[in-house]
Amino acid sequence: MQTEYVVVFITAPSPEVAEKVANALVKQKLAACVNIVPAVFSIYPWQGQLQNDQEALLIVKTRAALFEEQLIPAVKSVHPYEVPEIIALPVVSGAQDYLEWITAETTADR
């Protein structure tokens, strides 16, 4: 199933870094909106050690066509993690006026 819109999850080490990433994405018109959840607790293995970190979570609304070739490189250019979480989930349905707004806000010359 092909989808036109995606919601992208990105974690960051702090709300300040999350805001930097969010501003970059919106200013470049790679995201229509980014919500920042300032505190999530993440448990994951990294380089042979179990990590327990407080992070911020970005919830990004965008078009699927922007994800691979534009959004991922833009995030990596400002994100401090060696391997940042950048995952996209398909939007299977949504309010038509909201989806049209996403299109309008992410369509322009960069």
N, C-alpha and C. Protein backbone atom coordinates (compact mmCIF):
# COMPACT_ATOMS: atom_id res chain seq x y z
N MET A 1 0.84 -1.19 0.00
CA MET A 1 0.00 0.00 0.00
C MET A 1 0.88 1.24 0.00
N GLN A 2 0.70 2.07 -0.99
CA GLN A 2 1.45 3.32 -1.10
C GLN A 2 0.70 4.40 -0.33
N THR A 3 1.43 5.21 0.44
CA THR A 3 0.79 6.28 1.18
C THR A 3 1.45 7.60 0.81
N GLU A 4 0.67 8.66 0.80
CA GLU A 4 1.20 9.97 0.44
C GLU A 4 1.79 10.70 1.64
N TYR A 5 1.32 10.36 2.84
CA TYR A 5 1.75 11.07 4.04
C TYR A 5 2.34 10.11 5.05
N VAL A 6 3.27 10.62 5.86
CA VAL A 6 3.87 9.82 6.92
C VAL A 6 3.98 10.66 8.18
N VAL A 7 4.01 9.95 9.30
CA VAL A 7 4.37 10.54 10.59
C VAL A 7 5.74 9.96 10.92
N VAL A 8 6.67 10.82 11.24
CA VAL A 8 8.05 10.42 11.49
C VAL A 8 8.36 10.61 12.96
N PHE A 9 8.96 9.58 13.57
CA PHE A 9 9.43 9.67 14.95
C PHE A 9 10.94 9.85 14.93
N ILE A 10 11.40 10.83 15.70
CA ILE A 10 12.83 11.09 15.85
C ILE A 10 13.07 11.33 17.33
N THR A 11 14.08 10.69 17.91
CA THR A 11 14.44 10.99 19.29
C THR A 11 15.67 11.88 19.27
N ALA A 12 15.80 12.67 20.35
CA ALA A 12 16.92 13.61 20.50
C ALA A 12 17.35 13.60 21.96
N PRO A 13 18.59 13.99 22.24
CA PRO A 13 19.08 13.92 23.62
C PRO A 13 18.49 14.97 24.55
N SER A 14 17.83 15.99 24.01
CA SER A 14 17.26 17.04 24.86
C SER A 14 16.18 17.79 24.09
N PRO A 15 15.31 18.51 24.81
CA PRO A 15 14.32 19.34 24.12
C PRO A 15 14.96 20.42 23.26
N GLU A 16 16.12 20.92 23.67
CA GLU A 16 16.81 21.95 22.90
C GLU A 16 17.28 21.42 21.55
N VAL A 17 17.84 20.22 21.55
CA VAL A 17 18.26 19.60 20.29
C VAL A 17 17.02 19.29 19.44
N ALA A 18 15.97 18.80 20.07
CA ALA A 18 14.73 18.51 19.35
C ALA A 18 14.20 19.77 18.66
N GLU A 19 14.26 20.89 19.36
CA GLU A 19 13.79 22.15 18.78
C GLU A 19 14.66 22.56 17.59
N LYS A 20 15.95 22.36 17.70
CA LYS A 20 16.86 22.67 16.58
C LYS A 20 16.51 21.83 15.35
N VAL A 21 16.28 20.54 15.55
CA VAL A 21 15.91 19.65 14.45
C VAL A 21 14.55 20.08 13.87
N ALA A 22 13.59 20.33 14.74
CA ALA A 22 12.24 20.72 14.30
C ALA A 22 12.29 22.01 13.48
N ASN A 23 13.01 23.01 13.97
CA ASN A 23 13.11 24.27 13.23
C ASN A 23 13.73 24.06 11.86
N ALA A 24 14.76 23.24 11.78
CA ALA A 24 15.40 22.98 10.49
C ALA A 24 14.41 22.34 9.51
N LEU A 25 13.64 21.37 9.97
CA LEU A 25 12.70 20.68 9.09
C LEU A 25 11.57 21.59 8.61
N VAL A 26 11.02 22.38 9.51
CA VAL A 26 9.92 23.26 9.12
C VAL A 26 10.43 24.39 8.22
N LYS A 27 11.57 24.98 8.56
CA LYS A 27 12.11 26.08 7.73
C LYS A 27 12.45 25.61 6.33
N GLN A 28 12.89 24.36 6.18
CA GLN A 28 13.22 23.81 4.86
C GLN A 28 11.99 23.24 4.14
N LYS A 29 10.83 23.36 4.76
CA LYS A 29 9.57 22.86 4.23
C LYS A 29 9.59 21.34 4.03
N LEU A 30 10.33 20.66 4.90
CA LEU A 30 10.37 19.20 4.89
C LEU A 30 9.34 18.62 5.85
N ALA A 31 8.75 19.48 6.68
CA ALA A 31 7.69 19.09 7.61
C ALA A 31 6.69 20.22 7.71
N ALA A 32 5.42 19.86 7.80
CA ALA A 32 4.38 20.87 8.00
C ALA A 32 4.28 21.23 9.47
N CYS A 33 4.52 20.25 10.33
CA CYS A 33 4.38 20.43 11.77
C CYS A 33 5.25 19.42 12.48
N VAL A 34 5.85 19.86 13.59
CA VAL A 34 6.61 18.95 14.44
C VAL A 34 6.17 19.17 15.88
N ASN A 35 5.69 18.12 16.51
CA ASN A 35 5.40 18.16 17.94
C ASN A 35 6.63 17.67 18.68
N ILE A 36 6.92 18.30 19.81
CA ILE A 36 8.04 17.85 20.64
C ILE A 36 7.49 17.40 21.99
N VAL A 37 7.70 16.13 22.29
CA VAL A 37 7.38 15.59 23.61
C VAL A 37 8.69 15.69 24.38
N PRO A 38 8.76 16.59 25.38
CA PRO A 38 10.05 16.91 25.98
C PRO A 38 10.71 15.81 26.79
N ALA A 39 9.96 14.82 27.23
CA ALA A 39 10.58 13.79 28.07
C ALA A 39 9.98 12.42 27.79
N VAL A 40 10.82 11.55 27.24
CA VAL A 40 10.50 10.13 27.12
C VAL A 40 11.70 9.39 27.69
N PHE A 41 11.47 8.22 28.22
CA PHE A 41 12.55 7.42 28.79
C PHE A 41 12.81 6.26 27.84
N SER A 42 14.03 6.16 27.36
CA SER A 42 14.39 5.14 26.37
C SER A 42 15.36 4.13 26.95
N ILE A 43 15.10 2.87 26.68
CA ILE A 43 15.98 1.78 27.10
C ILE A 43 16.34 1.01 25.83
N TYR A 44 17.65 0.89 25.57
CA TYR A 44 18.09 0.27 24.33
C TYR A 44 19.56 -0.16 24.46
N PRO A 45 19.96 -1.17 23.69
CA PRO A 45 21.37 -1.56 23.70
C PRO A 45 22.16 -0.66 22.74
N TRP A 46 23.35 -0.26 23.15
CA TRP A 46 24.22 0.51 22.27
C TRP A 46 25.66 0.17 22.59
N GLN A 47 26.37 -0.32 21.59
CA GLN A 47 27.78 -0.68 21.70
C GLN A 47 28.05 -1.59 22.89
N GLY A 48 27.19 -2.61 23.02
CA GLY A 48 27.39 -3.63 24.05
C GLY A 48 26.93 -3.25 25.44
N GLN A 49 26.35 -2.09 25.60
CA GLN A 49 25.88 -1.63 26.91
C GLN A 49 24.38 -1.34 26.86
N LEU A 50 23.70 -1.60 27.95
CA LEU A 50 22.29 -1.25 28.06
C LEU A 50 22.20 0.21 28.46
N GLN A 51 21.52 0.99 27.65
CA GLN A 51 21.37 2.42 27.89
C GLN A 51 20.00 2.72 28.50
N ASN A 52 19.96 3.63 29.42
CA ASN A 52 18.72 4.14 30.02
C ASN A 52 18.81 5.66 29.96
N ASP A 53 18.14 6.26 28.99
CA ASP A 53 18.30 7.69 28.76
C ASP A 53 16.97 8.41 28.72
N GLN A 54 16.98 9.62 29.24
CA GLN A 54 15.84 10.52 29.02
C GLN A 54 16.11 11.25 27.72
N GLU A 55 15.13 11.25 26.84
CA GLU A 55 15.25 11.89 25.55
C GLU A 55 14.01 12.72 25.28
N ALA A 56 14.05 13.49 24.20
CA ALA A 56 12.88 14.18 23.69
C ALA A 56 12.44 13.44 22.43
N LEU A 57 11.15 13.46 22.15
CA LEU A 57 10.60 12.79 20.97
C LEU A 57 9.98 13.82 20.04
N LEU A 58 10.38 13.77 18.79
CA LEU A 58 9.78 14.61 17.77
C LEU A 58 8.76 13.77 17.00
N ILE A 59 7.60 14.35 16.75
CA ILE A 59 6.56 13.72 15.94
C ILE A 59 6.35 14.64 14.74
N VAL A 60 6.77 14.18 13.58
CA VAL A 60 6.85 15.01 12.38
C VAL A 60 5.76 14.60 11.39
N LYS A 61 5.03 15.57 10.90
CA LYS A 61 4.02 15.31 9.87
C LYS A 61 4.55 15.83 8.53
N THR A 62 4.60 14.93 7.53
CA THR A 62 5.17 15.30 6.25
C THR A 62 4.63 14.41 5.14
N ARG A 63 5.16 14.62 3.95
CA ARG A 63 4.80 13.78 2.80
C ARG A 63 5.83 12.67 2.64
N ALA A 64 5.37 11.50 2.28
CA ALA A 64 6.24 10.34 2.13
C ALA A 64 7.34 10.60 1.10
N ALA A 65 7.04 11.35 0.07
CA ALA A 65 8.01 11.61 -0.99
C ALA A 65 9.25 12.36 -0.50
N LEU A 66 9.15 13.03 0.63
CA LEU A 66 10.28 13.80 1.16
C LEU A 66 11.17 13.00 2.10
N PHE A 67 10.70 11.84 2.55
CA PHE A 67 11.35 11.13 3.65
C PHE A 67 12.78 10.68 3.34
N GLU A 68 12.96 9.83 2.38
CA GLU A 68 14.26 9.18 2.14
C GLU A 68 15.35 10.16 1.70
N GLU A 69 15.08 10.90 0.66
CA GLU A 69 16.14 11.69 0.03
C GLU A 69 16.33 13.08 0.61
N GLN A 70 15.36 13.59 1.35
CA GLN A 70 15.50 14.95 1.85
C GLN A 70 15.42 15.05 3.37
N LEU A 71 14.39 14.45 3.97
CA LEU A 71 14.22 14.59 5.42
C LEU A 71 15.33 13.89 6.19
N ILE A 72 15.64 12.65 5.85
CA ILE A 72 16.69 11.93 6.58
C ILE A 72 18.03 12.68 6.54
N PRO A 73 18.52 13.11 5.36
CA PRO A 73 19.78 13.85 5.36
C PRO A 73 19.71 15.17 6.14
N ALA A 74 18.56 15.84 6.09
CA ALA A 74 18.42 17.10 6.84
C ALA A 74 18.52 16.86 8.34
N VAL A 75 17.88 15.79 8.83
CA VAL A 75 17.97 15.46 10.25
C VAL A 75 19.41 15.13 10.62
N LYS A 76 20.05 14.28 9.84
CA LYS A 76 21.42 13.85 10.16
C LYS A 76 22.41 15.02 10.13
N SER A 77 22.12 16.06 9.36
CA SER A 77 23.03 17.20 9.28
C SER A 77 23.05 18.04 10.55
N VAL A 78 21.99 17.95 11.37
CA VAL A 78 21.94 18.76 12.60
C VAL A 78 21.85 17.91 13.87
N HIS A 79 21.70 16.61 13.74
CA HIS A 79 21.48 15.73 14.89
C HIS A 79 22.81 15.24 15.44
N PRO A 80 22.99 15.24 16.76
CA PRO A 80 24.29 14.83 17.33
C PRO A 80 24.51 13.32 17.43
N TYR A 81 23.46 12.50 17.34
CA TYR A 81 23.63 11.06 17.49
C TYR A 81 24.34 10.47 16.27
N GLU A 82 25.16 9.46 16.51
CA GLU A 82 25.81 8.73 15.43
C GLU A 82 24.78 7.99 14.58
N VAL A 83 23.78 7.41 15.24
CA VAL A 83 22.69 6.69 14.56
C VAL A 83 21.36 7.17 15.15
N PRO A 84 20.84 8.30 14.66
CA PRO A 84 19.58 8.79 15.22
C PRO A 84 18.39 7.93 14.79
N GLU A 85 17.42 7.83 15.69
CA GLU A 85 16.16 7.18 15.32
C GLU A 85 15.42 8.10 14.36
N ILE A 86 15.14 7.61 13.18
CA ILE A 86 14.34 8.33 12.19
C ILE A 86 13.48 7.27 11.51
N ILE A 87 12.24 7.12 11.96
CA ILE A 87 11.37 6.11 11.38
C ILE A 87 10.06 6.74 10.94
N ALA A 88 9.53 6.25 9.84
CA ALA A 88 8.29 6.80 9.29
C ALA A 88 7.19 5.75 9.36
N LEU A 89 6.02 6.19 9.77
CA LEU A 89 4.83 5.35 9.80
C LEU A 89 3.82 5.92 8.81
N PRO A 90 3.17 5.09 8.02
CA PRO A 90 2.23 5.60 7.03
C PRO A 90 0.97 6.16 7.68
N VAL A 91 0.47 7.23 7.10
CA VAL A 91 -0.83 7.78 7.49
C VAL A 91 -1.85 7.11 6.56
N VAL A 92 -2.71 6.30 7.13
CA VAL A 92 -3.67 5.58 6.30
C VAL A 92 -4.95 6.38 6.06
N SER A 93 -5.19 7.37 6.91
CA SER A 93 -6.37 8.20 6.74
C SER A 93 -6.18 9.46 7.56
N GLY A 94 -6.88 10.52 7.19
CA GLY A 94 -6.81 11.77 7.94
C GLY A 94 -7.84 12.75 7.42
N ALA A 95 -8.05 13.79 8.16
CA ALA A 95 -8.97 14.84 7.73
C ALA A 95 -8.41 15.46 6.44
N GLN A 96 -9.21 15.50 5.40
CA GLN A 96 -8.75 15.95 4.09
C GLN A 96 -8.15 17.35 4.14
N ASP A 97 -8.77 18.27 4.90
CA ASP A 97 -8.24 19.62 4.96
C ASP A 97 -6.86 19.66 5.64
N TYR A 98 -6.64 18.80 6.63
CA TYR A 98 -5.33 18.73 7.30
C TYR A 98 -4.29 18.16 6.34
N LEU A 99 -4.64 17.11 5.62
CA LEU A 99 -3.71 16.52 4.66
C LEU A 99 -3.36 17.50 3.55
N GLU A 100 -4.33 18.26 3.09
CA GLU A 100 -4.07 19.30 2.08
C GLU A 100 -3.14 20.37 2.64
N TRP A 101 -3.30 20.70 3.92
CA TRP A 101 -2.41 21.68 4.57
C TRP A 101 -0.98 21.14 4.61
N ILE A 102 -0.80 19.86 4.94
CA ILE A 102 0.55 19.27 4.93
C ILE A 102 1.16 19.44 3.54
N THR A 103 0.39 19.12 2.51
CA THR A 103 0.89 19.27 1.14
C THR A 103 1.31 20.71 0.87
N ALA A 104 0.46 21.65 1.21
CA ALA A 104 0.74 23.06 0.96
C ALA A 104 2.00 23.53 1.68
N GLU A 105 2.18 23.08 2.90
CA GLU A 105 3.32 23.54 3.72
C GLU A 105 4.63 22.83 3.41
N THR A 106 4.57 21.76 2.65
CA THR A 106 5.80 21.03 2.32
C THR A 106 6.08 21.02 0.82
N THR A 107 5.44 21.91 0.11
CA THR A 107 5.62 21.99 -1.34
C THR A 107 6.11 23.39 -1.70
N ALA A 108 7.38 23.49 -2.03
CA ALA A 108 7.95 24.76 -2.46
C ALA A 108 9.39 24.52 -2.85
N ASP A 109 9.95 25.47 -3.56
CA ASP A 109 11.38 25.39 -3.88
C ASP A 109 12.16 25.56 -2.58
N ARG A 110 13.18 24.73 -2.43
CA ARG A 110 14.02 24.83 -1.25
C ARG A 110 15.28 25.56 -1.60
